[in-house]
Amino acid sequence: MTNTEIRPVRPQPARIRKTRKASESMATTARTRGARLLALLFLAPTVVGIVVFTVVPIVGSVVLSFFQWDVIGDPQWAGVANYREILTDSTVLVSFRNTLVFMVLAVALQLLIALVLAITVNGRMPKWLRSVFRSAFFFPLVLSAASISVVMKYLFNQDFGPVNWLLGTVGIPSVPWLTSEKGAMAAVVLAYVWQQFGFSFLLFVGGLNNIPKEVHEAASLDGASGLRKHLAITLPLLSPTLLVASVVGIINALQVFEQPYVFTAGGPGDSTRTVVMVIYETAFEQLRFGEASAVGVLLFALIMAVTALQFRLSRRYVHYQ
C-alpha cells in the first residue's frame, strides 16, 4: 500500500478573494446593464410612438384650446373664452346629452347581448360549432364602420328597407327609423352594437372558461337552477371581465363618430349629433380649431371622470378569485 500524502489547503489571501469578488460583481453589473439596454431598445419604438401620437397631441390640444386659430392666420390668445362659448352653445350641450344617452343604451345592450351569447356558446355544443359562432360574432368587428353604416342605412330605410319589410310581415307598421328622433337614435345604437359586441363576447368567453366547473357542479348538487347559478356564481366570478368590457365599451361609445355621421349626419335636427361630430365640424368645416380643441378637452375630461368612477365603484361589485 502506498501512503497518500494529504496536504492541507492553504487559504487564499484576502487580496485574491477581494479581487475575485470584485470581478464577479463587475460581470454581474455588466450583464444587468446589458439586459436593461436591450429592454430599452425593445421598448423604445412603443414609447416613442406613445409620446409622438398620444402625449404630444393631447398637450397640443390643451394648449390650442386657449387660442383662436383658423389655420390661415396666426393663433390669437383667447384664454377661457373658448370654454365660455362652447358651454353656452346649445349644439355642443345637445351633443353631450346625445353622447351620454347613446353611451348608456349602446353599452348596456352590447354587454347584455355579448353575455347571453357567451353563456350560450360556452354551453354544451360541439367544439367545431363553438368555433364557428366565435368567428361569426367577432367578424363584424374587423369591418369598416363606415361601410357597415352604409349597408345599415339601406336596411333601415323606411320605404324599401328589409327591416320594415320584416316588421310588416308580423303586422307591425312601418317605423320611420331615419326620419324621427327616437327612431334615428335606435337605428344608430343597433348598428353600433351589431359591430362592437364581438369584442365583449370574446372577453366573456375567456372569462367563462376560467371559472372552475366544480363550482357549478356543486351548485347543481345543491339544487340551484340555471338562472340561479348564473346570478349567484357566474356574474360574481365574471365581474373582473365585466369591468374591463364596460370600461372599454364606455370609452369607445363616448367617441362614436362613423355611425351617426354616415347614418343620419347628426339628424333629424341634432338628435344624433355626437361630441366627436361637433369637434369634426367645428375644426374642419368651420376652421375654428381653438373651440374644437376646447370641446375635445371637455370630452377627454368626461372620459377620465367616467372611467375613474367605474374603478371607484368596482371596489364594491368586483370580486377577484
Foldseek 3Di string as FASTA:
>chain_A
DDDDDDDDDDDDDPVVVVVVVVVVVVVVVVVVVVVVVVVCVVCVVVVVCCCVVPVVVLVVLVVLLQWWFLPPDDTHGRGCVLVVVLVPDPLNVLQAVLLVVLLVLQLVVLLVVLQVVLVVLLDDDDPVVSVVVLCVQQVLQPDDLQVLLVVLLQLLCQPDHVVQVVCVVVPHHGDNLQADLVSVSVSLSVSVSSRPSSVLNVLLNVQVVPQDPVVVVVVVVVPDDPVRCCVPPVCQSCVVSVLVSSLVSSVVSLQDDNNCCNNHVCDPVNSNNHLNSVLCCVCPVVSGSNSSSSSVVVSVVVSVVVNVVSVVVCVPRHDYD
